[in-house]
Amino acid sequence: MKTRSELEAMTVKKLRRHVIDTGNSFPYLGETRKAEIIDKLMKIQAEREGTKPAPASKGAP
């Protein structure tokens, strides 16, 4: 899975495509903001690795 910085570098359109391609479930994907998508992906990655998720960046729009 990509790192947070790699995900933040992606456009929202590419990020949504990445979510779909990786098989993650986002029933509200069309309404979510970029920061919310990235946070959800980081939580999924942490669960898979059995670790705690990295703290969310406060400056995200």
PDB file of N, CA and C in Angstrom:
ATOM      1  N   MET A   1       0.838  -1.181   0.000  1.00  0.00           N
ATOM      2  CA  MET A   1       0.000   0.000   0.000  1.00  0.00           C
ATOM      3  C   MET A   1       0.884   1.246   0.000  1.00  0.00           C
ATOM      4  N   LYS A   2       0.357   2.309  -0.546  1.00  0.00           N
ATOM      5  CA  LYS A   2       1.097   3.559  -0.649  1.00  0.00           C
ATOM      6  C   LYS A   2       1.218   4.246   0.710  1.00  0.00           C
ATOM      7  N   THR A   3       2.225   5.078   0.838  1.00  0.00           N
ATOM      8  CA  THR A   3       2.403   5.840   2.077  1.00  0.00           C
ATOM      9  C   THR A   3       1.476   7.049   2.062  1.00  0.00           C
ATOM     10  N   ARG A   4       1.326   7.679   3.223  1.00  0.00           N
ATOM     11  CA  ARG A   4       0.464   8.866   3.320  1.00  0.00           C
ATOM     12  C   ARG A   4       0.930   9.958   2.357  1.00  0.00           C
ATOM     13  N   SER A   5       2.228  10.186   2.268  1.00  0.00           N
ATOM     14  CA  SER A   5       2.725  11.249   1.388  1.00  0.00           C
ATOM     15  C   SER A   5       2.433  10.944  -0.077  1.00  0.00           C
ATOM     16  N   GLU A   6       2.513   9.674  -0.461  1.00  0.00           N
ATOM     17  CA  GLU A   6       2.182   9.297  -1.836  1.00  0.00           C
ATOM     18  C   GLU A   6       0.699   9.522  -2.114  1.00  0.00           C
ATOM     19  N   LEU A   7      -0.146   9.189  -1.150  1.00  0.00           N
ATOM     20  CA  LEU A   7      -1.579   9.388  -1.318  1.00  0.00           C
ATOM     21  C   LEU A   7      -1.917  10.874  -1.394  1.00  0.00           C
ATOM     22  N   GLU A   8      -1.275  11.686  -0.571  1.00  0.00           N
ATOM     23  CA  GLU A   8      -1.549  13.128  -0.570  1.00  0.00           C
ATOM     24  C   GLU A   8      -1.107  13.788  -1.866  1.00  0.00           C
ATOM     25  N   ALA A   9      -0.140  13.200  -2.546  1.00  0.00           N
ATOM     26  CA  ALA A   9       0.339  13.747  -3.814  1.00  0.00           C
ATOM     27  C   ALA A   9      -0.621  13.454  -4.964  1.00  0.00           C
ATOM     28  N   MET A  10      -1.517  12.518  -4.776  1.00  0.00           N
ATOM     29  CA  MET A  10      -2.461  12.146  -5.829  1.00  0.00           C
ATOM     30  C   MET A  10      -3.625  13.142  -5.886  1.00  0.00           C
ATOM     31  N   THR A  11      -4.212  13.275  -7.071  1.00  0.00           N
ATOM     32  CA  THR A  11      -5.415  14.090  -7.184  1.00  0.00           C
ATOM     33  C   THR A  11      -6.586  13.291  -6.619  1.00  0.00           C
ATOM     34  N   VAL A  12      -7.691  13.968  -6.334  1.00  0.00           N
ATOM     35  CA  VAL A  12      -8.857  13.285  -5.774  1.00  0.00           C
ATOM     36  C   VAL A  12      -9.358  12.213  -6.742  1.00  0.00           C
ATOM     37  N   LYS A  13      -9.359  12.543  -8.035  1.00  0.00           N
ATOM     38  CA  LYS A  13      -9.827  11.580  -9.039  1.00  0.00           C
ATOM     39  C   LYS A  13      -8.949  10.323  -9.034  1.00  0.00           C
ATOM     40  N   LYS A  14      -7.632  10.510  -9.020  1.00  0.00           N
ATOM     41  CA  LYS A  14      -6.718   9.362  -8.988  1.00  0.00           C
ATOM     42  C   LYS A  14      -6.847   8.596  -7.677  1.00  0.00           C
ATOM     43  N   LEU A  15      -7.064   9.322  -6.590  1.00  0.00           N
ATOM     44  CA  LEU A  15      -7.207   8.695  -5.285  1.00  0.00           C
ATOM     45  C   LEU A  15      -8.447   7.793  -5.254  1.00  0.00           C
ATOM     46  N   ARG A  16      -9.548   8.305  -5.778  1.00  0.00           N
ATOM     47  CA  ARG A  16     -10.774   7.491  -5.847  1.00  0.00           C
ATOM     48  C   ARG A  16     -10.568   6.253  -6.712  1.00  0.00           C
ATOM     49  N   ARG A  17      -9.857   6.407  -7.826  1.00  0.00           N
ATOM     50  CA  ARG A  17      -9.562   5.276  -8.707  1.00  0.00           C
ATOM     51  C   ARG A  17      -8.707   4.247  -7.966  1.00  0.00           C
ATOM     52  N   HIS A  18      -7.734   4.729  -7.193  1.00  0.00           N
ATOM     53  CA  HIS A  18      -6.857   3.849  -6.407  1.00  0.00           C
ATOM     54  C   HIS A  18      -7.668   3.045  -5.394  1.00  0.00           C
ATOM     55  N   VAL A  19      -8.623   3.715  -4.742  1.00  0.00           N
ATOM     56  CA  VAL A  19      -9.476   3.040  -3.760  1.00  0.00           C
ATOM     57  C   VAL A  19     -10.247   1.911  -4.421  1.00  0.00           C
ATOM     58  N   ILE A  20     -10.828   2.197  -5.567  1.00  0.00           N
ATOM     59  CA  ILE A  20     -11.617   1.188  -6.282  1.00  0.00           C
ATOM     60  C   ILE A  20     -10.716   0.044  -6.748  1.00  0.00           C
ATOM     61  N   ASP A  21      -9.554   0.377  -7.307  1.00  0.00           N
ATOM     62  CA  ASP A  21      -8.636  -0.634  -7.815  1.00  0.00           C
ATOM     63  C   ASP A  21      -8.096  -1.549  -6.725  1.00  0.00           C
ATOM     64  N   THR A  22      -7.941  -1.015  -5.506  1.00  0.00           N
ATOM     65  CA  THR A  22      -7.419  -1.839  -4.415  1.00  0.00           C
ATOM     66  C   THR A  22      -8.512  -2.648  -3.729  1.00  0.00           C
ATOM     67  N   GLY A  23      -9.759  -2.459  -4.159  1.00  0.00           N
ATOM     68  CA  GLY A  23     -10.854  -3.268  -3.640  1.00  0.00           C
ATOM     69  C   GLY A  23     -11.400  -2.822  -2.299  1.00  0.00           C
ATOM     70  N   ASN A  24     -11.117  -1.581  -1.909  1.00  0.00           N
ATOM     71  CA  ASN A  24     -11.653  -1.080  -0.646  1.00  0.00           C
ATOM     72  C   ASN A  24     -13.080  -0.591  -0.834  1.00  0.00           C
ATOM     73  N   SER A  25     -13.870  -0.670   0.216  1.00  0.00           N
ATOM     74  CA  SER A  25     -15.278  -0.319   0.130  1.00  0.00           C
ATOM     75  C   SER A  25     -15.530   1.079   0.689  1.00  0.00           C
ATOM     76  N   PHE A  26     -16.003   1.961  -0.164  1.00  0.00           N
ATOM     77  CA  PHE A  26     -16.370   3.324   0.221  1.00  0.00           C
ATOM     78  C   PHE A  26     -17.738   3.625  -0.385  1.00  0.00           C
ATOM     79  N   PRO A  27     -18.811   3.335   0.326  1.00  0.00           N
ATOM     80  CA  PRO A  27     -20.136   3.569  -0.264  1.00  0.00           C
ATOM     81  C   PRO A  27     -20.425   5.030  -0.539  1.00  0.00           C
ATOM     82  N   TYR A  28     -19.712   5.946   0.109  1.00  0.00           N
ATOM     83  CA  TYR A  28     -19.958   7.375  -0.032  1.00  0.00           C
ATOM     84  C   TYR A  28     -18.780   8.071  -0.707  1.00  0.00           C
ATOM     85  N   LEU A  29     -18.041   7.361  -1.524  1.00  0.00           N
ATOM     86  CA  LEU A  29     -16.787   7.862  -2.085  1.00  0.00           C
ATOM     87  C   LEU A  29     -16.968   9.162  -2.856  1.00  0.00           C
ATOM     88  N   GLY A  30     -18.061   9.308  -3.570  1.00  0.00           N
ATOM     89  CA  GLY A  30     -18.279  10.511  -4.351  1.00  0.00           C
ATOM     90  C   GLY A  30     -18.449  11.757  -3.504  1.00  0.00           C
ATOM     91  N   GLU A  31     -18.783  11.604  -2.245  1.00  0.00           N
ATOM     92  CA  GLU A  31     -19.037  12.744  -1.368  1.00  0.00           C
ATOM     93  C   GLU A  31     -17.878  13.036  -0.422  1.00  0.00           C
ATOM     94  N   THR A  32     -16.884  12.167  -0.380  1.00  0.00           N
ATOM     95  CA  THR A  32     -15.821  12.326   0.609  1.00  0.00           C
ATOM     96  C   THR A  32     -14.743  13.291   0.142  1.00  0.00           C
ATOM     97  N   ARG A  33     -14.097  13.915   1.120  1.00  0.00           N
ATOM     98  CA  ARG A  33     -12.971  14.791   0.837  1.00  0.00           C
ATOM     99  C   ARG A  33     -11.696  13.951   0.779  1.00  0.00           C
ATOM    100  N   LYS A  34     -10.691  14.523   0.165  1.00  0.00           N
ATOM    101  CA  LYS A  34      -9.404  13.838  -0.002  1.00  0.00           C
ATOM    102  C   LYS A  34      -8.832  13.392   1.339  1.00  0.00           C
ATOM    103  N   ALA A  35      -8.859  14.266   2.343  1.00  0.00           N
ATOM    104  CA  ALA A  35      -8.302  13.932   3.657  1.00  0.00           C
ATOM    105  C   ALA A  35      -9.027  12.758   4.296  1.00  0.00           C
ATOM    106  N   GLU A  36     -10.347  12.705   4.127  1.00  0.00           N
ATOM    107  CA  GLU A  36     -11.124  11.598   4.703  1.00  0.00           C
ATOM    108  C   GLU A  36     -10.776  10.275   4.029  1.00  0.00           C
ATOM    109  N   ILE A  37     -10.589  10.310   2.710  1.00  0.00           N
ATOM    110  CA  ILE A  37     -10.226   9.092   1.986  1.00  0.00           C
ATOM    111  C   ILE A  37      -8.862   8.593   2.458  1.00  0.00           C
ATOM    112  N   ILE A  38      -7.900   9.521   2.576  1.00  0.00           N
ATOM    113  CA  ILE A  38      -6.552   9.143   3.009  1.00  0.00           C
ATOM    114  C   ILE A  38      -6.577   8.581   4.425  1.00  0.00           C
ATOM    115  N   ASP A  39      -7.318   9.216   5.327  1.00  0.00           N
ATOM    116  CA  ASP A  39      -7.407   8.721   6.701  1.00  0.00           C
ATOM    117  C   ASP A  39      -7.997   7.315   6.747  1.00  0.00           C
ATOM    118  N   LYS A  40      -9.029   7.075   5.947  1.00  0.00           N
ATOM    119  CA  LYS A  40      -9.650   5.747   5.906  1.00  0.00           C
ATOM    120  C   LYS A  40      -8.665   4.711   5.375  1.00  0.00           C
ATOM    121  N   LEU A  41      -7.921   5.055   4.321  1.00  0.00           N
ATOM    122  CA  LEU A  41      -6.928   4.131   3.777  1.00  0.00           C
ATOM    123  C   LEU A  41      -5.830   3.827   4.791  1.00  0.00           C
ATOM    124  N   MET A  42      -5.419   4.837   5.556  1.00  0.00           N
ATOM    125  CA  MET A  42      -4.387   4.627   6.571  1.00  0.00           C
ATOM    126  C   MET A  42      -4.905   3.704   7.681  1.00  0.00           C
ATOM    127  N   LYS A  43      -6.176   3.835   8.049  1.00  0.00           N
ATOM    128  CA  LYS A  43      -6.767   2.949   9.057  1.00  0.00           C
ATOM    129  C   LYS A  43      -6.825   1.517   8.549  1.00  0.00           C
ATOM    130  N   ILE A  44      -7.203   1.352   7.285  1.00  0.00           N
ATOM    131  CA  ILE A  44      -7.258   0.012   6.693  1.00  0.00           C
ATOM    132  C   ILE A  44      -5.868  -0.607   6.685  1.00  0.00           C
ATOM    133  N   GLN A  45      -4.875   0.176   6.289  1.00  0.00           N
ATOM    134  CA  GLN A  45      -3.502  -0.329   6.244  1.00  0.00           C
ATOM    135  C   GLN A  45      -3.029  -0.718   7.642  1.00  0.00           C
ATOM    136  N   ALA A  46      -3.331   0.097   8.643  1.00  0.00           N
ATOM    137  CA  ALA A  46      -2.914  -0.195  10.007  1.00  0.00           C
ATOM    138  C   ALA A  46      -3.568  -1.478  10.521  1.00  0.00           C
ATOM    139  N   GLU A  47      -4.837  -1.672  10.198  1.00  0.00           N
ATOM    140  CA  GLU A  47      -5.525  -2.892  10.623  1.00  0.00           C
ATOM    141  C   GLU A  47      -4.892  -4.121   9.995  1.00  0.00           C
ATOM    142  N   ARG A  48      -4.535  -4.013   8.737  1.00  0.00           N
ATOM    143  CA  ARG A  48      -3.914  -5.149   8.035  1.00  0.00           C
ATOM    144  C   ARG A  48      -2.546  -5.476   8.612  1.00  0.00           C
ATOM    145  N   GLU A  49      -1.815  -4.444   9.021  1.00  0.00           N
ATOM    146  CA  GLU A  49      -0.471  -4.644   9.567  1.00  0.00           C
ATOM    147  C   GLU A  49      -0.490  -4.884  11.067  1.00  0.00           C
ATOM    148  N   GLY A  50      -1.634  -4.655  11.694  1.00  0.00           N
ATOM    149  CA  GLY A  50      -1.739  -4.863  13.127  1.00  0.00           C
ATOM    150  C   GLY A  50      -1.070  -3.777  13.942  1.00  0.00           C
ATOM    151  N   THR A  51      -1.015  -2.573  13.390  1.00  0.00           N
ATOM    152  CA  THR A  51      -0.393  -1.454  14.099  1.00  0.00           C
ATOM    153  C   THR A  51      -1.406  -0.328  14.280  1.00  0.00           C
ATOM    154  N   LYS A  52      -0.997   0.663  15.060  1.00  0.00           N
ATOM    155  CA  LYS A  52      -1.860   1.826  15.240  1.00  0.00           C
ATOM    156  C   LYS A  52      -1.686   2.760  14.053  1.00  0.00           C
ATOM    157  N   PRO A  53      -2.772   3.412  13.596  1.00  0.00           N
ATOM    158  CA  PRO A  53      -2.641   4.336  12.471  1.00  0.00           C
ATOM    159  C   PRO A  53      -1.844   5.579  12.848  1.00  0.00           C
ATOM    160  N   ALA A  54      -1.176   6.147  11.868  1.00  0.00           N
ATOM    161  CA  ALA A  54      -0.415   7.378  12.089  1.00  0.00           C
ATOM    162  C   ALA A  54      -1.394   8.501  12.375  1.00  0.00           C
ATOM    163  N   PRO A  55      -1.011   9.459  13.200  1.00  0.00           N
ATOM    164  CA  PRO A  55      -1.939  10.567  13.492  1.00  0.00           C
ATOM    165  C   PRO A  55      -2.271  11.352  12.232  1.00  0.00           C
ATOM    166  N   ALA A  56      -3.522  11.764  12.133  1.00  0.00           N
ATOM    167  CA  ALA A  56      -3.981  12.505  10.961  1.00  0.00           C
ATOM    168  C   ALA A  56      -3.362  13.902  10.977  1.00  0.00           C
ATOM    169  N   SER A  57      -3.077  14.384   9.793  1.00  0.00           N
ATOM    170  CA  SER A  57      -2.505  15.723   9.713  1.00  0.00           C
ATOM    171  C   SER A  57      -3.585  16.761   9.985  1.00  0.00           C
ATOM    172  N   LYS A  58      -3.259  17.739  10.803  1.00  0.00           N
ATOM    173  CA  LYS A  58      -4.235  18.752  11.205  1.00  0.00           C
ATOM    174  C   LYS A  58      -4.486  19.770  10.097  1.00  0.00           C
ATOM    175  N   GLY A  59      -3.526  19.968   9.191  1.00  0.00           N
ATOM    176  CA  GLY A  59      -3.641  20.986   8.161  1.00  0.00           C
ATOM    177  C   GLY A  59      -4.405  20.534   6.922  1.00  0.00           C
ATOM    178  N   ALA A  60      -4.980  19.375   6.937  1.00  0.00           N
ATOM    179  CA  ALA A  60      -5.699  18.877   5.760  1.00  0.00           C
ATOM    180  C   ALA A  60      -6.996  19.658   5.561  1.00  0.00           C
ATOM    181  N   PRO A  61      -7.308  19.996   4.309  1.00  0.00           N
ATOM    182  CA  PRO A  61      -8.544  20.755   4.049  1.00  0.00           C
ATOM    183  C   PRO A  61      -9.788  19.928   4.231  1.00  0.00           C
TER     184      PRO A  61
END
